[in-house]
C-alpha cells in the first residue's frame, strides 16, 4: 500500500497534533473497564454484512447500545461468521431480532430494518473470551406479551 505524499492535506492536518501526541497517554488506568458479564436491555444501533479480514467469509456484525441502568450508553459488538455450520445459529439470532428473511441473500438489504429495535442481550466471558448472546425474554415483552398474560 502506498503511503500518502507529504503534500496530502490530510497528513498536513495531522501534523498540527504532533506535539500533543507525544504527551498523550492511553487510558489503560481502568477508566473504561469492560462491560461486566450480565443481562442487559439494548438497542440495535447498526447491523451489517461484511467479510472477515483473515478468511474472507461473510460475517454479520451488530453494534448494540446498552440502555442501562448498569453500563448505560456503552456499545458492545456481536459477530456471527456465516458458514454452513453456523446457519442455524444465525437463523436463531435473526428470529430473536424479529427479522424473517426467506432467502439469506436478502439479509444485507434487510438488516437496516433492525436499527433502533430493542433487544435483550447477555454478555458471558469464558476462558478470557467475551461473547454476546441475544435473548428471547426481552423480545416477548416488546411484542405485547407481558408477565401478567402468563396463565400459571
N, C-alpha and C. Protein backbone atom coordinates (compact mmCIF):
# COMPACT_ATOMS: atom_id res chain seq x y z
N UNK A 1 0.84 -1.16 0.00
CA UNK A 1 0.00 0.00 0.00
C UNK A 1 0.89 1.23 0.00
N UNK A 2 0.58 2.18 -0.85
CA UNK A 2 1.38 3.39 -0.97
C UNK A 2 1.07 4.34 0.17
N UNK A 3 2.11 4.98 0.66
CA UNK A 3 1.92 5.99 1.69
C UNK A 3 1.52 7.30 1.03
N UNK A 4 0.70 8.12 1.71
CA UNK A 4 0.32 9.39 1.11
C UNK A 4 1.51 10.32 1.00
N UNK A 5 1.50 11.12 -0.02
CA UNK A 5 2.57 12.09 -0.23
C UNK A 5 2.51 13.14 0.88
N UNK A 6 3.64 13.76 1.20
CA UNK A 6 3.69 14.77 2.25
C UNK A 6 2.81 15.97 1.93
N UNK A 7 2.51 16.17 0.66
CA UNK A 7 1.67 17.31 0.28
C UNK A 7 0.18 17.00 0.46
N UNK A 8 -0.14 15.76 0.80
CA UNK A 8 -1.54 15.37 1.04
C UNK A 8 -2.09 16.23 2.18
N UNK A 9 -3.25 16.89 1.98
CA UNK A 9 -3.78 17.77 3.02
C UNK A 9 -4.10 17.04 4.33
N UNK A 10 -4.45 15.77 4.27
CA UNK A 10 -4.74 15.03 5.48
C UNK A 10 -3.51 14.91 6.36
N UNK A 11 -2.36 14.62 5.76
CA UNK A 11 -1.12 14.48 6.51
C UNK A 11 -0.74 15.82 7.13
N UNK A 12 -0.93 16.89 6.40
CA UNK A 12 -0.65 18.22 6.92
C UNK A 12 -1.53 18.54 8.12
N UNK A 13 -2.79 18.15 8.06
CA UNK A 13 -3.71 18.38 9.18
C UNK A 13 -3.29 17.61 10.41
N UNK A 14 -2.76 16.42 10.24
CA UNK A 14 -2.34 15.61 11.38
C UNK A 14 -1.08 16.16 12.04
N UNK A 15 -0.26 16.80 11.28
CA UNK A 15 0.99 17.32 11.82
C UNK A 15 0.75 18.33 12.93
N UNK A 16 -0.37 19.02 12.91
CA UNK A 16 -0.63 20.01 13.96
C UNK A 16 -0.87 19.35 15.32
N UNK A 17 -1.09 18.03 15.35
CA UNK A 17 -1.28 17.31 16.61
C UNK A 17 -0.01 16.65 17.13
N UNK A 18 1.10 16.74 16.40
CA UNK A 18 2.32 16.03 16.76
C UNK A 18 2.78 16.33 18.18
N UNK A 19 2.80 17.58 18.60
CA UNK A 19 3.28 17.92 19.94
C UNK A 19 2.37 17.32 21.02
N UNK A 20 1.04 17.46 20.84
CA UNK A 20 0.11 16.90 21.82
C UNK A 20 0.16 15.37 21.84
N UNK A 21 0.45 14.78 20.69
CA UNK A 21 0.51 13.33 20.59
C UNK A 21 1.59 12.75 21.50
N UNK A 22 2.73 13.41 21.56
CA UNK A 22 3.82 12.91 22.38
C UNK A 22 3.48 12.97 23.87
N UNK A 23 2.55 13.84 24.26
CA UNK A 23 2.16 13.98 25.67
C UNK A 23 0.96 13.09 26.02
N UNK A 24 0.23 12.64 25.02
CA UNK A 24 -0.99 11.86 25.27
C UNK A 24 -0.65 10.47 25.77
N UNK A 25 -1.51 9.98 26.67
CA UNK A 25 -1.37 8.61 27.16
C UNK A 25 -2.64 7.84 26.86
N UNK A 26 -2.51 6.55 26.82
CA UNK A 26 -3.65 5.68 26.60
C UNK A 26 -4.39 5.49 27.92
N UNK A 27 -5.73 5.50 27.91
CA UNK A 27 -6.48 5.34 29.16
C UNK A 27 -6.49 3.90 29.65
N UNK A 28 -5.32 3.36 29.96
CA UNK A 28 -5.24 1.98 30.42
C UNK A 28 -5.34 1.89 31.94
N UNK A 29 -5.81 2.97 32.56
CA UNK A 29 -5.91 3.00 34.01
C UNK A 29 -7.23 2.45 34.52
N UNK A 30 -8.02 1.81 33.66
CA UNK A 30 -9.29 1.24 34.09
C UNK A 30 -10.44 2.23 34.05
N UNK A 31 -10.23 3.40 33.46
CA UNK A 31 -11.31 4.38 33.40
C UNK A 31 -12.42 3.94 32.44
N UNK A 32 -12.13 3.01 31.56
CA UNK A 32 -13.12 2.45 30.64
C UNK A 32 -13.10 0.93 30.75
N UNK A 33 -13.55 0.39 31.89
CA UNK A 33 -13.49 -1.07 32.05
C UNK A 33 -14.47 -1.76 31.11
N UNK A 34 -14.20 -3.05 30.89
CA UNK A 34 -15.10 -3.84 30.06
C UNK A 34 -16.49 -3.86 30.67
N UNK A 35 -17.48 -4.02 29.83
CA UNK A 35 -18.84 -4.21 30.32
C UNK A 35 -18.86 -5.53 31.08
N UNK A 36 -19.34 -5.53 32.32
CA UNK A 36 -19.34 -6.79 33.09
C UNK A 36 -20.29 -7.82 32.50
N UNK A 37 -20.02 -9.08 32.76
CA UNK A 37 -20.94 -10.14 32.35
C UNK A 37 -22.30 -9.88 32.97
N UNK A 38 -23.35 -10.16 32.22
CA UNK A 38 -24.69 -9.98 32.74
C UNK A 38 -25.72 -9.85 31.64
N UNK A 39 -26.94 -9.60 32.05
CA UNK A 39 -28.07 -9.46 31.14
C UNK A 39 -28.41 -7.98 31.03
N UNK A 40 -28.62 -7.52 29.80
CA UNK A 40 -28.85 -6.10 29.55
C UNK A 40 -29.99 -5.91 28.54
N UNK A 41 -30.65 -4.78 28.66
CA UNK A 41 -31.54 -4.30 27.61
C UNK A 41 -30.70 -3.43 26.70
N UNK A 42 -30.83 -3.64 25.41
CA UNK A 42 -30.02 -2.89 24.46
C UNK A 42 -30.89 -2.48 23.28
N UNK A 43 -30.31 -1.65 22.43
CA UNK A 43 -30.94 -1.23 21.18
C UNK A 43 -29.95 -1.52 20.06
N UNK A 44 -30.43 -2.06 18.97
CA UNK A 44 -29.57 -2.33 17.83
C UNK A 44 -29.26 -0.99 17.15
N UNK A 45 -28.00 -0.63 17.17
CA UNK A 45 -27.57 0.65 16.62
C UNK A 45 -27.14 0.51 15.16
N UNK A 46 -26.61 -0.66 14.82
CA UNK A 46 -26.16 -0.89 13.45
C UNK A 46 -26.08 -2.40 13.24
N UNK A 47 -26.32 -2.83 12.03
CA UNK A 47 -26.16 -4.23 11.66
C UNK A 47 -25.77 -4.27 10.20
N UNK A 48 -24.73 -5.03 9.89
CA UNK A 48 -24.28 -5.11 8.50
C UNK A 48 -23.62 -6.44 8.22
N UNK A 49 -23.62 -6.80 6.95
CA UNK A 49 -22.90 -7.97 6.49
C UNK A 49 -21.63 -7.47 5.83
N UNK A 50 -20.51 -8.06 6.22
CA UNK A 50 -19.23 -7.72 5.63
C UNK A 50 -18.43 -9.01 5.51
N UNK A 51 -17.13 -8.94 5.34
CA UNK A 51 -16.29 -10.13 5.25
C UNK A 51 -15.22 -10.08 6.33
N UNK A 52 -14.85 -11.26 6.83
CA UNK A 52 -13.76 -11.32 7.79
C UNK A 52 -12.46 -10.97 7.08
N UNK A 53 -11.56 -10.35 7.81
CA UNK A 53 -10.28 -9.95 7.23
C UNK A 53 -9.42 -11.17 6.93
N UNK A 54 -9.40 -12.12 7.85
CA UNK A 54 -8.47 -13.24 7.71
C UNK A 54 -8.91 -14.28 6.69
N UNK A 55 -10.21 -14.59 6.62
CA UNK A 55 -10.65 -15.68 5.74
C UNK A 55 -11.52 -15.22 4.59
N UNK A 56 -12.04 -14.00 4.65
CA UNK A 56 -12.93 -13.53 3.60
C UNK A 56 -14.33 -14.10 3.69
N UNK A 57 -14.65 -14.77 4.79
CA UNK A 57 -16.00 -15.33 4.97
C UNK A 57 -16.98 -14.21 5.30
N UNK A 58 -18.24 -14.39 4.92
CA UNK A 58 -19.23 -13.38 5.29
C UNK A 58 -19.46 -13.40 6.80
N UNK A 59 -19.75 -12.23 7.36
CA UNK A 59 -19.97 -12.09 8.78
C UNK A 59 -21.02 -11.01 9.01
N UNK A 60 -21.91 -11.25 9.96
CA UNK A 60 -22.87 -10.23 10.37
C UNK A 60 -22.31 -9.59 11.63
N UNK A 61 -22.28 -8.27 11.64
CA UNK A 61 -21.78 -7.52 12.79
C UNK A 61 -22.90 -6.61 13.28
N UNK A 62 -23.28 -6.80 14.55
CA UNK A 62 -24.28 -5.95 15.19
C UNK A 62 -23.58 -5.03 16.18
N UNK A 63 -23.91 -3.75 16.17
CA UNK A 63 -23.49 -2.80 17.20
C UNK A 63 -24.69 -2.58 18.10
N UNK A 64 -24.53 -2.84 19.39
CA UNK A 64 -25.63 -2.82 20.35
C UNK A 64 -25.35 -1.81 21.45
N UNK A 65 -26.23 -0.84 21.63
CA UNK A 65 -26.06 0.16 22.68
C UNK A 65 -26.89 -0.26 23.89
N UNK A 66 -26.21 -0.41 25.02
CA UNK A 66 -26.86 -0.82 26.26
C UNK A 66 -27.67 0.35 26.80
N UNK A 67 -28.93 0.06 27.19
CA UNK A 67 -29.81 1.10 27.71
C UNK A 67 -29.67 1.30 29.21
N UNK A 68 -29.09 0.35 29.91
CA UNK A 68 -28.83 0.55 31.33
C UNK A 68 -29.73 -0.24 32.23
N UNK A 69 -29.74 0.04 33.52
CA UNK A 69 -29.04 1.15 34.17
C UNK A 69 -27.54 0.92 34.28
N UNK A 70 -27.10 -0.34 34.49
CA UNK A 70 -25.67 -0.60 34.55
C UNK A 70 -25.10 -0.57 33.13
N UNK A 71 -23.95 0.07 32.98
CA UNK A 71 -23.25 0.17 31.69
C UNK A 71 -24.07 0.94 30.64
N UNK A 72 -24.94 1.83 31.10
CA UNK A 72 -25.79 2.59 30.17
C UNK A 72 -24.94 3.34 29.16
N UNK A 73 -25.39 3.31 27.92
CA UNK A 73 -24.78 4.01 26.78
C UNK A 73 -23.48 3.38 26.29
N UNK A 74 -23.08 2.26 26.86
CA UNK A 74 -21.91 1.56 26.34
C UNK A 74 -22.33 0.77 25.11
N UNK A 75 -21.39 0.56 24.20
CA UNK A 75 -21.67 -0.17 22.97
C UNK A 75 -20.87 -1.47 22.98
N UNK A 76 -21.57 -2.57 22.67
CA UNK A 76 -20.92 -3.87 22.52
C UNK A 76 -21.18 -4.36 21.11
N UNK A 77 -20.35 -5.27 20.66
CA UNK A 77 -20.45 -5.80 19.30
C UNK A 77 -20.70 -7.29 19.35
N UNK A 78 -21.63 -7.74 18.53
CA UNK A 78 -21.89 -9.18 18.36
C UNK A 78 -21.55 -9.53 16.92
N UNK A 79 -20.78 -10.59 16.76
CA UNK A 79 -20.38 -11.05 15.43
C UNK A 79 -20.91 -12.46 15.19
N UNK A 80 -21.31 -12.73 13.96
CA UNK A 80 -21.72 -14.09 13.59
C UNK A 80 -21.14 -14.37 12.21
N UNK A 81 -20.06 -15.17 12.16
CA UNK A 81 -19.49 -15.60 10.89
C UNK A 81 -20.48 -16.56 10.25
N UNK A 82 -20.66 -16.44 8.95
CA UNK A 82 -21.63 -17.27 8.24
C UNK A 82 -20.91 -18.40 7.52
N UNK A 83 -21.19 -19.62 7.98
CA UNK A 83 -20.69 -20.83 7.32
C UNK A 83 -21.85 -21.83 7.29
N UNK A 84 -21.64 -22.95 6.64
CA UNK A 84 -22.67 -23.99 6.63
C UNK A 84 -23.00 -24.43 8.06
N UNK A 85 -22.00 -24.41 8.94
CA UNK A 85 -22.18 -24.87 10.31
C UNK A 85 -22.85 -23.84 11.23
N UNK A 86 -22.89 -22.58 10.83
CA UNK A 86 -23.46 -21.55 11.71
C UNK A 86 -24.81 -21.03 11.24
N UNK A 87 -25.34 -21.58 10.15
CA UNK A 87 -26.61 -21.07 9.62
C UNK A 87 -27.75 -21.18 10.64
N UNK A 88 -27.81 -22.29 11.38
CA UNK A 88 -28.90 -22.43 12.36
C UNK A 88 -28.78 -21.39 13.47
N UNK A 89 -27.56 -21.04 13.86
CA UNK A 89 -27.37 -20.03 14.89
C UNK A 89 -27.70 -18.63 14.37
N UNK A 90 -27.37 -18.37 13.11
CA UNK A 90 -27.73 -17.10 12.50
C UNK A 90 -29.25 -16.98 12.41
N UNK A 91 -29.91 -18.06 12.00
CA UNK A 91 -31.38 -18.04 11.93
C UNK A 91 -31.98 -17.74 13.30
N UNK A 92 -31.43 -18.36 14.35
CA UNK A 92 -31.92 -18.10 15.71
C UNK A 92 -31.68 -16.64 16.10
N UNK A 93 -30.49 -16.11 15.78
CA UNK A 93 -30.21 -14.69 16.07
C UNK A 93 -31.24 -13.79 15.39
N UNK A 94 -31.52 -14.06 14.13
CA UNK A 94 -32.48 -13.23 13.39
C UNK A 94 -33.89 -13.39 13.94
N UNK A 95 -34.25 -14.61 14.34
CA UNK A 95 -35.56 -14.82 14.97
C UNK A 95 -35.68 -14.00 16.26
N UNK A 96 -34.63 -14.00 17.06
CA UNK A 96 -34.65 -13.24 18.31
C UNK A 96 -34.72 -11.73 18.03
N UNK A 97 -34.18 -11.32 16.91
CA UNK A 97 -34.26 -9.91 16.50
C UNK A 97 -35.58 -9.59 15.79
N UNK A 98 -36.40 -10.61 15.57
CA UNK A 98 -37.69 -10.49 14.89
C UNK A 98 -37.51 -10.01 13.43
N UNK A 99 -36.55 -10.63 12.75
CA UNK A 99 -36.33 -10.36 11.34
C UNK A 99 -36.42 -11.68 10.59
N UNK A 100 -37.43 -11.81 9.73
CA UNK A 100 -37.60 -13.03 8.94
C UNK A 100 -37.18 -12.75 7.50
N UNK A 101 -36.28 -13.56 7.00
CA UNK A 101 -35.88 -13.47 5.59
C UNK A 101 -36.14 -14.82 4.95
N UNK A 102 -36.69 -14.82 3.75
CA UNK A 102 -36.97 -16.08 3.07
C UNK A 102 -35.73 -16.66 2.42
N UNK A 103 -34.78 -15.79 2.04
CA UNK A 103 -33.51 -16.23 1.46
C UNK A 103 -32.40 -15.44 2.15
N UNK A 104 -31.30 -16.10 2.42
CA UNK A 104 -30.19 -15.43 3.08
C UNK A 104 -29.64 -14.28 2.25
N UNK A 105 -29.76 -14.37 0.94
CA UNK A 105 -29.26 -13.31 0.07
C UNK A 105 -30.00 -11.98 0.28
N UNK A 106 -31.19 -12.02 0.92
CA UNK A 106 -31.94 -10.80 1.24
C UNK A 106 -31.33 -10.05 2.43
N UNK A 107 -30.54 -10.75 3.23
CA UNK A 107 -30.10 -10.22 4.51
C UNK A 107 -29.41 -8.86 4.43
N UNK A 108 -28.43 -8.65 3.55
CA UNK A 108 -27.77 -7.34 3.54
C UNK A 108 -28.74 -6.17 3.34
N UNK A 109 -29.72 -6.35 2.49
CA UNK A 109 -30.68 -5.28 2.22
C UNK A 109 -31.67 -5.09 3.37
N UNK A 110 -31.89 -6.11 4.18
CA UNK A 110 -32.91 -6.06 5.23
C UNK A 110 -32.37 -5.70 6.61
N UNK A 111 -31.07 -5.80 6.82
CA UNK A 111 -30.52 -5.54 8.15
C UNK A 111 -30.81 -4.13 8.66
N UNK A 112 -30.95 -3.18 7.78
CA UNK A 112 -31.27 -1.81 8.18
C UNK A 112 -32.58 -1.72 8.96
N UNK A 113 -33.48 -2.68 8.75
CA UNK A 113 -34.75 -2.69 9.47
C UNK A 113 -34.55 -2.89 10.98
N UNK A 114 -33.40 -3.42 11.37
CA UNK A 114 -33.14 -3.69 12.78
C UNK A 114 -32.71 -2.46 13.57
N UNK A 115 -32.24 -1.44 12.90
CA UNK A 115 -31.73 -0.25 13.59
C UNK A 115 -32.83 0.37 14.45
N UNK A 116 -32.50 0.58 15.72
CA UNK A 116 -33.45 1.16 16.65
C UNK A 116 -34.32 0.15 17.37
N UNK A 117 -34.21 -1.11 17.00
CA UNK A 117 -35.04 -2.16 17.60
C UNK A 117 -34.46 -2.59 18.95
N UNK A 118 -35.30 -2.68 20.00
CA UNK A 118 -34.81 -3.15 21.29
C UNK A 118 -34.53 -4.66 21.26
N UNK A 119 -33.54 -5.07 22.04
CA UNK A 119 -33.16 -6.48 22.10
C UNK A 119 -32.55 -6.77 23.47
N UNK A 120 -32.89 -7.91 24.04
CA UNK A 120 -32.25 -8.35 25.26
C UNK A 120 -30.96 -9.06 24.91
N UNK A 121 -29.89 -8.78 25.65
CA UNK A 121 -28.60 -9.43 25.38
C UNK A 121 -28.03 -9.96 26.68
N UNK A 122 -27.14 -10.91 26.53
CA UNK A 122 -26.37 -11.41 27.66
C UNK A 122 -24.91 -11.45 27.26
N UNK A 123 -24.07 -10.89 28.11
CA UNK A 123 -22.63 -10.94 27.89
C UNK A 123 -22.06 -11.99 28.83
N UNK A 124 -21.34 -12.96 28.26
CA UNK A 124 -20.68 -14.01 29.04
C UNK A 124 -19.22 -14.11 28.62
N UNK A 125 -18.35 -14.19 29.60
CA UNK A 125 -16.92 -14.36 29.35
C UNK A 125 -16.50 -15.73 29.85
N UNK A 126 -15.83 -16.48 28.98
CA UNK A 126 -15.33 -17.79 29.35
C UNK A 126 -13.93 -17.95 28.76
N UNK A 127 -13.01 -18.34 29.60
CA UNK A 127 -11.61 -18.53 29.17
C UNK A 127 -11.05 -17.28 28.50
N UNK A 128 -11.43 -16.12 29.03
CA UNK A 128 -10.91 -14.86 28.51
C UNK A 128 -11.57 -14.35 27.25
N UNK A 129 -12.55 -15.05 26.73
CA UNK A 129 -13.25 -14.64 25.51
C UNK A 129 -14.67 -14.20 25.85
N UNK A 130 -15.00 -12.98 25.48
CA UNK A 130 -16.34 -12.45 25.73
C UNK A 130 -17.25 -12.78 24.55
N UNK A 131 -18.48 -13.18 24.84
CA UNK A 131 -19.48 -13.46 23.82
C UNK A 131 -20.76 -12.73 24.17
N UNK A 132 -21.46 -12.28 23.14
CA UNK A 132 -22.75 -11.62 23.30
C UNK A 132 -23.80 -12.56 22.72
N UNK A 133 -24.86 -12.78 23.49
CA UNK A 133 -25.96 -13.64 23.06
C UNK A 133 -27.25 -12.84 23.07
N UNK A 134 -28.07 -13.01 22.05
CA UNK A 134 -29.41 -12.42 22.05
C UNK A 134 -30.30 -13.27 22.94
N UNK A 135 -31.28 -12.63 23.59
CA UNK A 135 -32.19 -13.32 24.49
C UNK A 135 -33.61 -13.23 23.98
N UNK A 136 -34.41 -14.24 24.28
CA UNK A 136 -35.82 -14.24 23.90
C UNK A 136 -36.65 -13.35 24.82
N UNK A 137 -36.42 -13.39 26.10
CA UNK A 137 -37.30 -12.79 27.10
C UNK A 137 -37.63 -11.32 26.82
N UNK A 138 -36.67 -10.49 26.62
CA UNK A 138 -36.93 -9.06 26.43
C UNK A 138 -37.75 -8.82 25.16
N UNK A 139 -37.57 -9.68 24.17
CA UNK A 139 -38.30 -9.51 22.92
C UNK A 139 -39.79 -9.80 23.10
N UNK A 140 -40.12 -10.78 23.93
CA UNK A 140 -41.54 -11.13 24.15
C UNK A 140 -42.27 -9.97 24.79
N UNK A 141 -41.65 -9.29 25.74
CA UNK A 141 -42.34 -8.18 26.40
C UNK A 141 -42.53 -7.03 25.43
N UNK A 142 -41.66 -6.91 24.46
CA UNK A 142 -41.80 -5.83 23.48
C UNK A 142 -42.81 -6.17 22.40
N UNK A 143 -43.27 -7.42 22.34
CA UNK A 143 -44.26 -7.81 21.34
C UNK A 143 -45.66 -7.81 21.93
N UNK A 144 -45.82 -7.22 23.12
CA UNK A 144 -47.14 -7.13 23.71
C UNK A 144 -47.47 -8.27 24.64
N UNK A 145 -46.54 -9.18 24.89
CA UNK A 145 -46.77 -10.27 25.83
C UNK A 145 -46.04 -9.88 27.10
N UNK A 146 -46.78 -9.75 28.21
CA UNK A 146 -46.10 -9.43 29.45
C UNK A 146 -46.34 -10.51 30.47
N UNK A 147 -45.71 -10.37 31.60
CA UNK A 147 -45.77 -11.42 32.62
C UNK A 147 -47.20 -11.64 33.13
N UNK A 148 -48.07 -10.63 33.04
CA UNK A 148 -49.44 -10.79 33.51
C UNK A 148 -50.26 -11.70 32.61
N UNK A 149 -49.80 -11.92 31.36
CA UNK A 149 -50.53 -12.76 30.41
C UNK A 149 -50.21 -14.24 30.57
N UNK A 150 -49.25 -14.58 31.41
CA UNK A 150 -48.87 -15.98 31.58
C UNK A 150 -49.94 -16.67 32.42
N UNK A 151 -50.48 -17.82 31.97
CA UNK A 151 -51.60 -18.45 32.64
C UNK A 151 -51.26 -19.19 33.92
N UNK A 152 -50.03 -19.27 34.33
CA UNK A 152 -49.68 -20.01 35.55
C UNK A 152 -48.89 -19.18 36.51
